[in-house]
């Protein structure tokens, strides 16, 4: 009898939850959950939850030897330049005779740093400019070393801004923090959470080697255009646009770190090698569909009212 292989999900969040229906067709799913509440939610979705905490190494000991593959979507800690959670996790996984033979990791396109609007493919050097991106670069390096030492397949999905109905940057409209004028604006890239979930599931078909993918859609956009189109679609007042230097002086360092970096990502490799058809090739397609869907727009605006 064909026994189902076991997938360990570390980072039981939104993208993993979206991938679950597709994953359950071919995998037995274990998920690491911090709380009993989270465990109950994942059990209801058909996964087998394990209680543990990436910040508490002893709680991870039970993960050794359980899984044939691992989907890693947990974020690094909020501070520092290294990912101590990844270190603890890989240490725990290495303690068994059997190691997951496939690792899928959702990283960030932030590891490329600022490219001045240039088009980047996966061969571009990484130049993380802030601690947040540096922690991701550290996690990527740890995973590469682990995969090389133990001969397992590793897929790194470098995701840009992840969006969905429940993941829109509505707080920017509530605070009216300014945007950069068109002539000086930065380029940004996007991926719908459902499309990223599909990429995770598809990447599990890769059985050998180490491969990096720009996990983004087909159409980079200036940041201001994305906010303008989103505001128009939802009927929200669009934040003012100011010269670049003025914006820098007015927004928080955290906001500026997102606005300052400009790059356009080439996603040709996911099309050629993973043969994925994106449901939302551009955020503009998503916004067109949203414009025609009154119930969904109302639900999003109700959540906006709560933010305010």
C-alpha atoms as a PDB file:
ATOM      1  CA  UNK A   1       0.000   0.000   0.000  1.00  0.00           C
ATOM      2  CA  UNK A   2       1.213   3.490  -0.845  1.00  0.00           C
ATOM      3  CA  UNK A   3       1.824   5.389   2.386  1.00  0.00           C
ATOM      4  CA  UNK A   4       1.459   9.149   2.343  1.00  0.00           C
ATOM      5  CA  UNK A   5       4.610  11.102   2.956  1.00  0.00           C
ATOM      6  CA  UNK A   6       4.652  13.517   5.896  1.00  0.00           C
ATOM      7  CA  UNK A   7       5.035  17.295   5.565  1.00  0.00           C
ATOM      8  CA  UNK A   8       5.987  19.394   8.582  1.00  0.00           C
ATOM      9  CA  UNK A   9       4.642  22.965   8.439  1.00  0.00           C
ATOM     10  CA  UNK A  10       6.638  25.446  10.525  1.00  0.00           C
ATOM     11  CA  UNK A  11       4.866  28.793  10.645  1.00  0.00           C
ATOM     12  CA  UNK A  12       1.192  27.859  10.694  1.00  0.00           C
ATOM     13  CA  UNK A  13       0.005  31.170   9.250  1.00  0.00           C
ATOM     14  CA  UNK A  14      -2.096  32.532   6.408  1.00  0.00           C
ATOM     15  CA  UNK A  15      -0.089  31.246   3.420  1.00  0.00           C
ATOM     16  CA  UNK A  16       0.276  27.744   4.887  1.00  0.00           C
ATOM     17  CA  UNK A  17      -3.466  27.651   5.606  1.00  0.00           C
ATOM     18  CA  UNK A  18      -4.225  28.612   1.998  1.00  0.00           C
ATOM     19  CA  UNK A  19      -1.889  25.872   0.738  1.00  0.00           C
ATOM     20  CA  UNK A  20      -3.426  23.200   2.975  1.00  0.00           C
ATOM     21  CA  UNK A  21      -6.288  21.973   0.700  1.00  0.00           C
ATOM     22  CA  UNK A  22      -3.791  21.377  -2.123  1.00  0.00           C
ATOM     23  CA  UNK A  23      -1.180  19.833   0.187  1.00  0.00           C
ATOM     24  CA  UNK A  24      -3.570  17.433   1.886  1.00  0.00           C
ATOM     25  CA  UNK A  25      -4.153  15.626  -1.410  1.00  0.00           C
ATOM     26  CA  UNK A  26      -0.602  14.254  -1.356  1.00  0.00           C
ATOM     27  CA  UNK A  27       0.733  14.727   2.170  1.00  0.00           C
ATOM     28  CA  UNK A  28       0.016  13.918   5.776  1.00  0.00           C
ATOM     29  CA  UNK A  29       0.383  17.336   7.446  1.00  0.00           C
ATOM     30  CA  UNK A  30       1.989  18.084  10.799  1.00  0.00           C
ATOM     31  CA  UNK A  31       1.942  21.705  11.986  1.00  0.00           C
ATOM     32  CA  UNK A  32       3.921  23.347  14.753  1.00  0.00           C
ATOM     33  CA  UNK A  33       1.561  25.476  16.863  1.00  0.00           C
ATOM     34  CA  UNK A  34       2.439  27.702  19.805  1.00  0.00           C
ATOM     35  CA  UNK A  35      -0.950  27.554  21.520  1.00  0.00           C
ATOM     36  CA  UNK A  36      -3.802  25.096  22.088  1.00  0.00           C
ATOM     37  CA  UNK A  37      -6.152  27.547  20.310  1.00  0.00           C
ATOM     38  CA  UNK A  38      -4.024  27.464  17.172  1.00  0.00           C
ATOM     39  CA  UNK A  39      -3.758  23.673  17.452  1.00  0.00           C
ATOM     40  CA  UNK A  40      -7.563  23.359  17.558  1.00  0.00           C
ATOM     41  CA  UNK A  41      -7.900  25.517  14.407  1.00  0.00           C
ATOM     42  CA  UNK A  42      -5.375  23.412  12.484  1.00  0.00           C
ATOM     43  CA  UNK A  43      -6.882  20.141  13.691  1.00  0.00           C
ATOM     44  CA  UNK A  44     -10.233  21.306  12.297  1.00  0.00           C
ATOM     45  CA  UNK A  45      -8.509  21.901   8.934  1.00  0.00           C
ATOM     46  CA  UNK A  46      -7.253  18.321   8.826  1.00  0.00           C
ATOM     47  CA  UNK A  47      -3.692  18.755  10.085  1.00  0.00           C
ATOM     48  CA  UNK A  48      -2.032  17.087  13.046  1.00  0.00           C
ATOM     49  CA  UNK A  49      -0.824  19.862  15.361  1.00  0.00           C
ATOM     50  CA  UNK A  50       2.280  19.645  17.550  1.00  0.00           C
ATOM     51  CA  UNK A  51       2.731  22.159  20.362  1.00  0.00           C
ATOM     52  CA  UNK A  52       6.100  23.902  20.314  1.00  0.00           C
ATOM     53  CA  UNK A  53       7.761  27.315  20.188  1.00  0.00           C
ATOM     54  CA  UNK A  54      10.601  28.323  17.863  1.00  0.00           C
ATOM     55  CA  UNK A  55      11.990  30.564  20.601  1.00  0.00           C
ATOM     56  CA  UNK A  56      12.183  27.640  23.065  1.00  0.00           C
ATOM     57  CA  UNK A  57      14.637  25.003  21.811  1.00  0.00           C
ATOM     58  CA  UNK A  58      13.618  22.118  24.158  1.00  0.00           C
ATOM     59  CA  UNK A  59      10.048  22.217  22.776  1.00  0.00           C
ATOM     60  CA  UNK A  60      11.395  21.438  19.275  1.00  0.00           C
ATOM     61  CA  UNK A  61      13.121  18.155  20.188  1.00  0.00           C
ATOM     62  CA  UNK A  62      10.019  16.132  19.260  1.00  0.00           C
ATOM     63  CA  UNK A  63      10.211  17.328  15.638  1.00  0.00           C
ATOM     64  CA  UNK A  64      13.270  15.181  14.859  1.00  0.00           C
ATOM     65  CA  UNK A  65      12.674  12.310  12.445  1.00  0.00           C
ATOM     66  CA  UNK A  66       8.967  12.940  11.891  1.00  0.00           C
ATOM     67  CA  UNK A  67       8.803  14.396   8.394  1.00  0.00           C
ATOM     68  CA  UNK A  68       9.858  13.692   4.807  1.00  0.00           C
ATOM     69  CA  UNK A  69       9.630  17.394   3.903  1.00  0.00           C
ATOM     70  CA  UNK A  70       9.226  20.753   5.627  1.00  0.00           C
ATOM     71  CA  UNK A  71       7.444  23.960   4.609  1.00  0.00           C
ATOM     72  CA  UNK A  72       9.038  26.868   6.487  1.00  0.00           C
ATOM     73  CA  UNK A  73       6.911  30.007   6.588  1.00  0.00           C
ATOM     74  CA  UNK A  74       7.685  31.278  10.105  1.00  0.00           C
ATOM     75  CA  UNK A  75       9.192  34.773  10.301  1.00  0.00           C
ATOM     76  CA  UNK A  76      12.536  35.402  12.015  1.00  0.00           C
ATOM     77  CA  UNK A  77      12.550  37.130  15.429  1.00  0.00           C
ATOM     78  CA  UNK A  78      11.675  40.847  15.396  1.00  0.00           C
ATOM     79  CA  UNK A  79      15.187  42.014  16.337  1.00  0.00           C
ATOM     80  CA  UNK A  80      18.819  41.347  15.559  1.00  0.00           C
ATOM     81  CA  UNK A  81      20.685  40.459  12.377  1.00  0.00           C
ATOM     82  CA  UNK A  82      20.422  36.671  12.594  1.00  0.00           C
ATOM     83  CA  UNK A  83      17.510  34.212  12.613  1.00  0.00           C
ATOM     84  CA  UNK A  84      17.901  32.380  15.921  1.00  0.00           C
ATOM     85  CA  UNK A  85      14.594  30.536  15.324  1.00  0.00           C
ATOM     86  CA  UNK A  86      15.917  28.891  12.167  1.00  0.00           C
ATOM     87  CA  UNK A  87      19.084  27.912  14.027  1.00  0.00           C
ATOM     88  CA  UNK A  88      17.083  26.177  16.788  1.00  0.00           C
ATOM     89  CA  UNK A  89      14.805  24.456  14.271  1.00  0.00           C
ATOM     90  CA  UNK A  90      17.593  23.086  12.052  1.00  0.00           C
ATOM     91  CA  UNK A  91      19.498  21.906  15.136  1.00  0.00           C
ATOM     92  CA  UNK A  92      16.388  19.977  16.242  1.00  0.00           C
ATOM     93  CA  UNK A  93      15.762  18.468  12.786  1.00  0.00           C
ATOM     94  CA  UNK A  94      19.400  17.352  12.504  1.00  0.00           C
ATOM     95  CA  UNK A  95      19.114  15.272  15.683  1.00  0.00           C
ATOM     96  CA  UNK A  96      17.403  12.313  13.935  1.00  0.00           C
ATOM     97  CA  UNK A  97      18.621   9.597  11.607  1.00  0.00           C
ATOM     98  CA  UNK A  98      16.079  10.707   9.011  1.00  0.00           C
ATOM     99  CA  UNK A  99      16.181  14.346   7.869  1.00  0.00           C
ATOM    100  CA  UNK A 100      13.459  16.041   5.748  1.00  0.00           C
ATOM    101  CA  UNK A 101      14.577  15.504   2.152  1.00  0.00           C
ATOM    102  CA  UNK A 102      12.838  18.634   0.853  1.00  0.00           C
ATOM    103  CA  UNK A 103      12.790  22.094   2.400  1.00  0.00           C
ATOM    104  CA  UNK A 104      10.648  24.970   1.117  1.00  0.00           C
ATOM    105  CA  UNK A 105      11.355  28.391   2.632  1.00  0.00           C
ATOM    106  CA  UNK A 106       9.447  31.641   2.103  1.00  0.00           C
ATOM    107  CA  UNK A 107      12.071  34.378   2.212  1.00  0.00           C
ATOM    108  CA  UNK A 108      11.712  38.005   1.132  1.00  0.00           C
ATOM    109  CA  UNK A 109      12.738  39.924  -1.972  1.00  0.00           C
ATOM    110  CA  UNK A 110      14.073  42.465   0.563  1.00  0.00           C
ATOM    111  CA  UNK A 111      17.354  40.503   0.585  1.00  0.00           C
ATOM    112  CA  UNK A 112      18.209  42.147  -2.773  1.00  0.00           C
ATOM    113  CA  UNK A 113      18.201  45.606  -1.186  1.00  0.00           C
ATOM    114  CA  UNK A 114      17.789  48.700  -3.348  1.00  0.00           C
ATOM    115  CA  UNK A 115      18.410  48.232  -7.075  1.00  0.00           C
ATOM    116  CA  UNK A 116      17.438  51.742  -8.168  1.00  0.00           C
ATOM    117  CA  UNK A 117      14.492  50.337 -10.117  1.00  0.00           C
ATOM    118  CA  UNK A 118      16.593  47.807 -12.067  1.00  0.00           C
ATOM    119  CA  UNK A 119      15.109  44.474 -13.184  1.00  0.00           C
ATOM    120  CA  UNK A 120      16.534  41.599 -11.111  1.00  0.00           C
ATOM    121  CA  UNK A 121      16.533  37.869 -11.703  1.00  0.00           C
ATOM    122  CA  UNK A 122      17.626  35.233  -9.199  1.00  0.00           C
ATOM    123  CA  UNK A 123      21.292  35.565 -10.183  1.00  0.00           C
ATOM    124  CA  UNK A 124      21.415  39.117  -8.763  1.00  0.00           C
ATOM    125  CA  UNK A 125      23.644  39.567  -5.721  1.00  0.00           C
ATOM    126  CA  UNK A 126      21.883  39.998  -2.391  1.00  0.00           C
ATOM    127  CA  UNK A 127      22.549  43.274  -0.560  1.00  0.00           C
ATOM    128  CA  UNK A 128      20.249  43.424   2.467  1.00  0.00           C
ATOM    129  CA  UNK A 129      20.054  47.031   3.662  1.00  0.00           C
ATOM    130  CA  UNK A 130      18.239  46.667   6.963  1.00  0.00           C
ATOM    131  CA  UNK A 131      18.130  44.227   9.870  1.00  0.00           C
ATOM    132  CA  UNK A 132      14.801  42.767   8.722  1.00  0.00           C
ATOM    133  CA  UNK A 133      16.290  41.728   5.356  1.00  0.00           C
ATOM    134  CA  UNK A 134      19.580  40.711   6.997  1.00  0.00           C
ATOM    135  CA  UNK A 135      17.745  38.196   9.225  1.00  0.00           C
ATOM    136  CA  UNK A 136      16.199  36.623   6.093  1.00  0.00           C
ATOM    137  CA  UNK A 137      19.581  36.477   4.354  1.00  0.00           C
ATOM    138  CA  UNK A 138      20.954  34.734   7.447  1.00  0.00           C
ATOM    139  CA  UNK A 139      18.088  32.188   7.367  1.00  0.00           C
ATOM    140  CA  UNK A 140      18.763  31.508   3.658  1.00  0.00           C
ATOM    141  CA  UNK A 141      22.458  30.920   4.399  1.00  0.00           C
ATOM    142  CA  UNK A 142      21.702  28.558   7.287  1.00  0.00           C
ATOM    143  CA  UNK A 143      19.328  26.568   5.075  1.00  0.00           C
ATOM    144  CA  UNK A 144      21.871  26.336   2.232  1.00  0.00           C
ATOM    145  CA  UNK A 145      24.501  24.978   4.615  1.00  0.00           C
ATOM    146  CA  UNK A 146      22.036  22.471   6.064  1.00  0.00           C
ATOM    147  CA  UNK A 147      20.904  21.304   2.600  1.00  0.00           C
ATOM    148  CA  UNK A 148      24.487  20.917   1.335  1.00  0.00           C
ATOM    149  CA  UNK A 149      25.659  19.072   4.447  1.00  0.00           C
ATOM    150  CA  UNK A 150      22.705  16.674   4.412  1.00  0.00           C
ATOM    151  CA  UNK A 151      21.974  16.348   0.716  1.00  0.00           C
ATOM    152  CA  UNK A 152      18.393  17.567   0.809  1.00  0.00           C
ATOM    153  CA  UNK A 153      16.539  19.639  -1.782  1.00  0.00           C
ATOM    154  CA  UNK A 154      16.013  23.308  -0.877  1.00  0.00           C
ATOM    155  CA  UNK A 155      13.660  25.764  -2.558  1.00  0.00           C
ATOM    156  CA  UNK A 156      13.831  29.420  -1.502  1.00  0.00           C
ATOM    157  CA  UNK A 157      10.830  31.507  -2.554  1.00  0.00           C
ATOM    158  CA  UNK A 158      11.726  35.204  -2.350  1.00  0.00           C
ATOM    159  CA  UNK A 159       8.354  36.862  -1.925  1.00  0.00           C
ATOM    160  CA  UNK A 160       7.676  40.599  -2.252  1.00  0.00           C
ATOM    161  CA  UNK A 161       4.575  42.328  -0.838  1.00  0.00           C
ATOM    162  CA  UNK A 162       2.013  39.578  -0.121  1.00  0.00           C
ATOM    163  CA  UNK A 163      -1.589  40.713  -0.471  1.00  0.00           C
ATOM    164  CA  UNK A 164      -5.149  39.326  -0.278  1.00  0.00           C
ATOM    165  CA  UNK A 165      -8.530  40.736   0.768  1.00  0.00           C
ATOM    166  CA  UNK A 166      -7.443  40.318   4.413  1.00  0.00           C
ATOM    167  CA  UNK A 167      -3.897  41.563   3.740  1.00  0.00           C
ATOM    168  CA  UNK A 168      -4.276  44.989   2.136  1.00  0.00           C
ATOM    169  CA  UNK A 169      -2.198  47.963   3.392  1.00  0.00           C
ATOM    170  CA  UNK A 170      -5.292  49.782   4.669  1.00  0.00           C
ATOM    171  CA  UNK A 171      -3.513  51.444   7.586  1.00  0.00           C
ATOM    172  CA  UNK A 172      -1.631  53.626   5.076  1.00  0.00           C
ATOM    173  CA  UNK A 173      -4.953  55.199   4.090  1.00  0.00           C
ATOM    174  CA  UNK A 174      -5.993  55.622   7.727  1.00  0.00           C
ATOM    175  CA  UNK A 175      -2.762  57.453   8.658  1.00  0.00           C
ATOM    176  CA  UNK A 176      -2.586  59.334   5.322  1.00  0.00           C
ATOM    177  CA  UNK A 177       1.227  58.937   5.425  1.00  0.00           C
ATOM    178  CA  UNK A 178       2.455  60.535   2.177  1.00  0.00           C
ATOM    179  CA  UNK A 179       3.593  58.727  -0.951  1.00  0.00           C
ATOM    180  CA  UNK A 180       6.392  59.701  -3.349  1.00  0.00           C
ATOM    181  CA  UNK A 181       5.569  61.701  -6.496  1.00  0.00           C
ATOM    182  CA  UNK A 182       5.456  59.640  -9.715  1.00  0.00           C
ATOM    183  CA  UNK A 183       8.686  60.982 -11.228  1.00  0.00           C
ATOM    184  CA  UNK A 184      10.741  59.970  -8.142  1.00  0.00           C
ATOM    185  CA  UNK A 185       8.761  56.894  -7.069  1.00  0.00           C
ATOM    186  CA  UNK A 186      10.122  53.439  -6.190  1.00  0.00           C
ATOM    187  CA  UNK A 187       9.146  50.239  -7.997  1.00  0.00           C
ATOM    188  CA  UNK A 188       7.434  47.481  -6.017  1.00  0.00           C
ATOM    189  CA  UNK A 189       6.447  43.873  -6.672  1.00  0.00           C
ATOM    190  CA  UNK A 190       3.543  41.792  -5.391  1.00  0.00           C
ATOM    191  CA  UNK A 191       2.158  38.292  -5.021  1.00  0.00           C
ATOM    192  CA  UNK A 192      -1.353  37.237  -4.009  1.00  0.00           C
ATOM    193  CA  UNK A 193      -1.323  34.975  -0.930  1.00  0.00           C
ATOM    194  CA  UNK A 194      -3.208  32.266  -2.882  1.00  0.00           C
ATOM    195  CA  UNK A 195      -0.601  32.313  -5.645  1.00  0.00           C
ATOM    196  CA  UNK A 196       2.227  32.084  -3.096  1.00  0.00           C
ATOM    197  CA  UNK A 197       0.432  29.131  -1.472  1.00  0.00           C
ATOM    198  CA  UNK A 198       0.255  27.447  -4.891  1.00  0.00           C
ATOM    199  CA  UNK A 199       3.993  28.058  -5.407  1.00  0.00           C
ATOM    200  CA  UNK A 200       4.735  26.381  -2.050  1.00  0.00           C
ATOM    201  CA  UNK A 201       2.737  23.296  -3.041  1.00  0.00           C
ATOM    202  CA  UNK A 202       4.306  23.152  -6.512  1.00  0.00           C
ATOM    203  CA  UNK A 203       7.851  23.584  -5.166  1.00  0.00           C
ATOM    204  CA  UNK A 204       7.434  20.335  -3.210  1.00  0.00           C
ATOM    205  CA  UNK A 205       7.721  18.475  -6.533  1.00  0.00           C
ATOM    206  CA  UNK A 206      11.400  19.463  -6.656  1.00  0.00           C
ATOM    207  CA  UNK A 207      13.407  16.527  -5.306  1.00  0.00           C
ATOM    208  CA  UNK A 208      17.022  17.665  -5.673  1.00  0.00           C
ATOM    209  CA  UNK A 209      19.392  20.603  -5.585  1.00  0.00           C
ATOM    210  CA  UNK A 210      19.113  24.143  -4.261  1.00  0.00           C
ATOM    211  CA  UNK A 211      17.045  26.663  -6.214  1.00  0.00           C
ATOM    212  CA  UNK A 212      15.946  30.247  -5.581  1.00  0.00           C
ATOM    213  CA  UNK A 213      12.813  31.735  -7.151  1.00  0.00           C
ATOM    214  CA  UNK A 214      11.427  35.264  -7.346  1.00  0.00           C
ATOM    215  CA  UNK A 215       7.941  34.413  -6.071  1.00  0.00           C
ATOM    216  CA  UNK A 216       6.179  37.418  -7.563  1.00  0.00           C
ATOM    217  CA  UNK A 217       3.600  38.268 -10.205  1.00  0.00           C
ATOM    218  CA  UNK A 218       4.246  39.484 -13.768  1.00  0.00           C
ATOM    219  CA  UNK A 219       3.878  43.222 -13.308  1.00  0.00           C
ATOM    220  CA  UNK A 220       6.054  45.421 -11.076  1.00  0.00           C
ATOM    221  CA  UNK A 221       4.320  48.726 -10.283  1.00  0.00           C
ATOM    222  CA  UNK A 222       5.352  52.094  -8.901  1.00  0.00           C
ATOM    223  CA  UNK A 223       4.352  52.164  -5.214  1.00  0.00           C
ATOM    224  CA  UNK A 224       2.152  55.238  -5.673  1.00  0.00           C
ATOM    225  CA  UNK A 225       0.221  53.633  -8.527  1.00  0.00           C
ATOM    226  CA  UNK A 226      -0.633  50.587  -6.401  1.00  0.00           C
ATOM    227  CA  UNK A 227      -1.981  52.794  -3.587  1.00  0.00           C
ATOM    228  CA  UNK A 228      -3.839  55.052  -6.014  1.00  0.00           C
ATOM    229  CA  UNK A 229      -5.542  52.145  -7.759  1.00  0.00           C
ATOM    230  CA  UNK A 230      -6.344  50.462  -4.448  1.00  0.00           C
ATOM    231  CA  UNK A 231      -7.802  53.712  -3.055  1.00  0.00           C
ATOM    232  CA  UNK A 232      -9.902  54.253  -6.193  1.00  0.00           C
ATOM    233  CA  UNK A 233     -11.205  50.675  -6.066  1.00  0.00           C
ATOM    234  CA  UNK A 234     -12.288  50.979  -2.429  1.00  0.00           C
ATOM    235  CA  UNK A 235     -13.358  54.633  -2.579  1.00  0.00           C
ATOM    236  CA  UNK A 236     -10.744  55.699  -0.017  1.00  0.00           C
ATOM    237  CA  UNK A 237      -8.930  59.066  -0.098  1.00  0.00           C
ATOM    238  CA  UNK A 238      -5.449  58.473  -1.509  1.00  0.00           C
ATOM    239  CA  UNK A 239      -2.548  59.792   0.613  1.00  0.00           C
ATOM    240  CA  UNK A 240      -0.830  62.921  -0.739  1.00  0.00           C
ATOM    241  CA  UNK A 241       2.227  62.563  -3.004  1.00  0.00           C
ATOM    242  CA  UNK A 242       5.324  64.590  -2.148  1.00  0.00           C
ATOM    243  CA  UNK A 243       8.952  64.766  -3.333  1.00  0.00           C
ATOM    244  CA  UNK A 244      11.099  61.874  -2.135  1.00  0.00           C
ATOM    245  CA  UNK A 245      13.100  63.862   0.456  1.00  0.00           C
ATOM    246  CA  UNK A 246       9.943  65.307   2.006  1.00  0.00           C
ATOM    247  CA  UNK A 247       8.378  61.870   2.325  1.00  0.00           C
ATOM    248  CA  UNK A 248      11.509  60.558   4.047  1.00  0.00           C
ATOM    249  CA  UNK A 249      11.307  63.399   6.579  1.00  0.00           C
ATOM    250  CA  UNK A 250       7.642  62.720   7.339  1.00  0.00           C
ATOM    251  CA  UNK A 251       7.291  58.938   7.647  1.00  0.00           C
ATOM    252  CA  UNK A 252       8.635  56.513  10.264  1.00  0.00           C
ATOM    253  CA  UNK A 253      11.983  54.799   9.594  1.00  0.00           C
ATOM    254  CA  UNK A 254      10.049  51.515   9.258  1.00  0.00           C
ATOM    255  CA  UNK A 255       7.727  52.987   6.590  1.00  0.00           C
ATOM    256  CA  UNK A 256      10.683  54.558   4.802  1.00  0.00           C
ATOM    257  CA  UNK A 257      12.541  51.226   4.657  1.00  0.00           C
ATOM    258  CA  UNK A 258       9.651  49.878   2.546  1.00  0.00           C
ATOM    259  CA  UNK A 259       9.289  52.999   0.380  1.00  0.00           C
ATOM    260  CA  UNK A 260      12.981  53.643  -0.203  1.00  0.00           C
ATOM    261  CA  UNK A 261      13.979  50.424  -1.954  1.00  0.00           C
ATOM    262  CA  UNK A 262      13.196  50.216  -5.651  1.00  0.00           C
ATOM    263  CA  UNK A 263      13.518  47.074  -7.744  1.00  0.00           C
ATOM    264  CA  UNK A 264      11.624  45.168 -10.402  1.00  0.00           C
ATOM    265  CA  UNK A 265      11.658  41.385 -10.130  1.00  0.00           C
ATOM    266  CA  UNK A 266      11.805  39.023 -13.098  1.00  0.00           C
ATOM    267  CA  UNK A 267       9.591  35.969 -12.424  1.00  0.00           C
ATOM    268  CA  UNK A 268      10.531  34.019 -15.571  1.00  0.00           C
ATOM    269  CA  UNK A 269      12.069  31.181 -13.575  1.00  0.00           C
ATOM    270  CA  UNK A 270       8.835  30.219 -11.755  1.00  0.00           C
ATOM    271  CA  UNK A 271       7.109  30.046 -15.151  1.00  0.00           C
ATOM    272  CA  UNK A 272       9.831  27.989 -16.822  1.00  0.00           C
ATOM    273  CA  UNK A 273      10.704  25.585 -14.006  1.00  0.00           C
ATOM    274  CA  UNK A 274       7.607  25.365 -11.794  1.00  0.00           C
ATOM    275  CA  UNK A 275       5.154  25.857 -14.692  1.00  0.00           C
ATOM    276  CA  UNK A 276       2.793  27.746 -12.409  1.00  0.00           C
ATOM    277  CA  UNK A 277      -0.141  29.677 -13.832  1.00  0.00           C
ATOM    278  CA  UNK A 278      -0.792  32.587 -11.496  1.00  0.00           C
ATOM    279  CA  UNK A 279      -4.408  33.275 -10.698  1.00  0.00           C
ATOM    280  CA  UNK A 280      -3.538  36.967 -10.342  1.00  0.00           C
ATOM    281  CA  UNK A 281      -0.746  37.873 -12.843  1.00  0.00           C
ATOM    282  CA  UNK A 282      -1.016  41.513 -11.674  1.00  0.00           C
ATOM    283  CA  UNK A 283      -2.519  43.397  -8.745  1.00  0.00           C
ATOM    284  CA  UNK A 284      -4.426  45.362 -11.402  1.00  0.00           C
ATOM    285  CA  UNK A 285      -6.282  42.144 -12.396  1.00  0.00           C
ATOM    286  CA  UNK A 286      -7.087  41.603  -8.731  1.00  0.00           C
ATOM    287  CA  UNK A 287      -8.383  45.172  -8.352  1.00  0.00           C
ATOM    288  CA  UNK A 288     -10.527  44.850 -11.511  1.00  0.00           C
ATOM    289  CA  UNK A 289     -12.177  41.738 -10.049  1.00  0.00           C
ATOM    290  CA  UNK A 290     -12.587  43.445  -6.670  1.00  0.00           C
ATOM    291  CA  UNK A 291     -14.248  46.464  -8.288  1.00  0.00           C
ATOM    292  CA  UNK A 292     -16.981  44.162  -9.605  1.00  0.00           C
ATOM    293  CA  UNK A 293     -17.488  42.327  -6.285  1.00  0.00           C
ATOM    294  CA  UNK A 294     -19.560  44.490  -3.954  1.00  0.00           C
ATOM    295  CA  UNK A 295     -19.776  41.970  -1.030  1.00  0.00           C
ATOM    296  CA  UNK A 296     -15.976  41.603  -0.900  1.00  0.00           C
ATOM    297  CA  UNK A 297     -15.449  45.359  -1.110  1.00  0.00           C
ATOM    298  CA  UNK A 298     -17.911  45.890   1.745  1.00  0.00           C
ATOM    299  CA  UNK A 299     -16.100  43.341   3.912  1.00  0.00           C
ATOM    300  CA  UNK A 300     -12.747  45.058   3.280  1.00  0.00           C
ATOM    301  CA  UNK A 301     -14.215  48.490   4.075  1.00  0.00           C
ATOM    302  CA  UNK A 302     -15.699  47.112   7.309  1.00  0.00           C
ATOM    303  CA  UNK A 303     -12.205  46.052   8.398  1.00  0.00           C
ATOM    304  CA  UNK A 304     -10.908  49.500   7.392  1.00  0.00           C
ATOM    305  CA  UNK A 305     -13.509  51.106   9.678  1.00  0.00           C
ATOM    306  CA  UNK A 306     -12.096  49.014  12.556  1.00  0.00           C
ATOM    307  CA  UNK A 307      -8.529  50.190  11.847  1.00  0.00           C
ATOM    308  CA  UNK A 308      -9.679  53.793  12.044  1.00  0.00           C
END
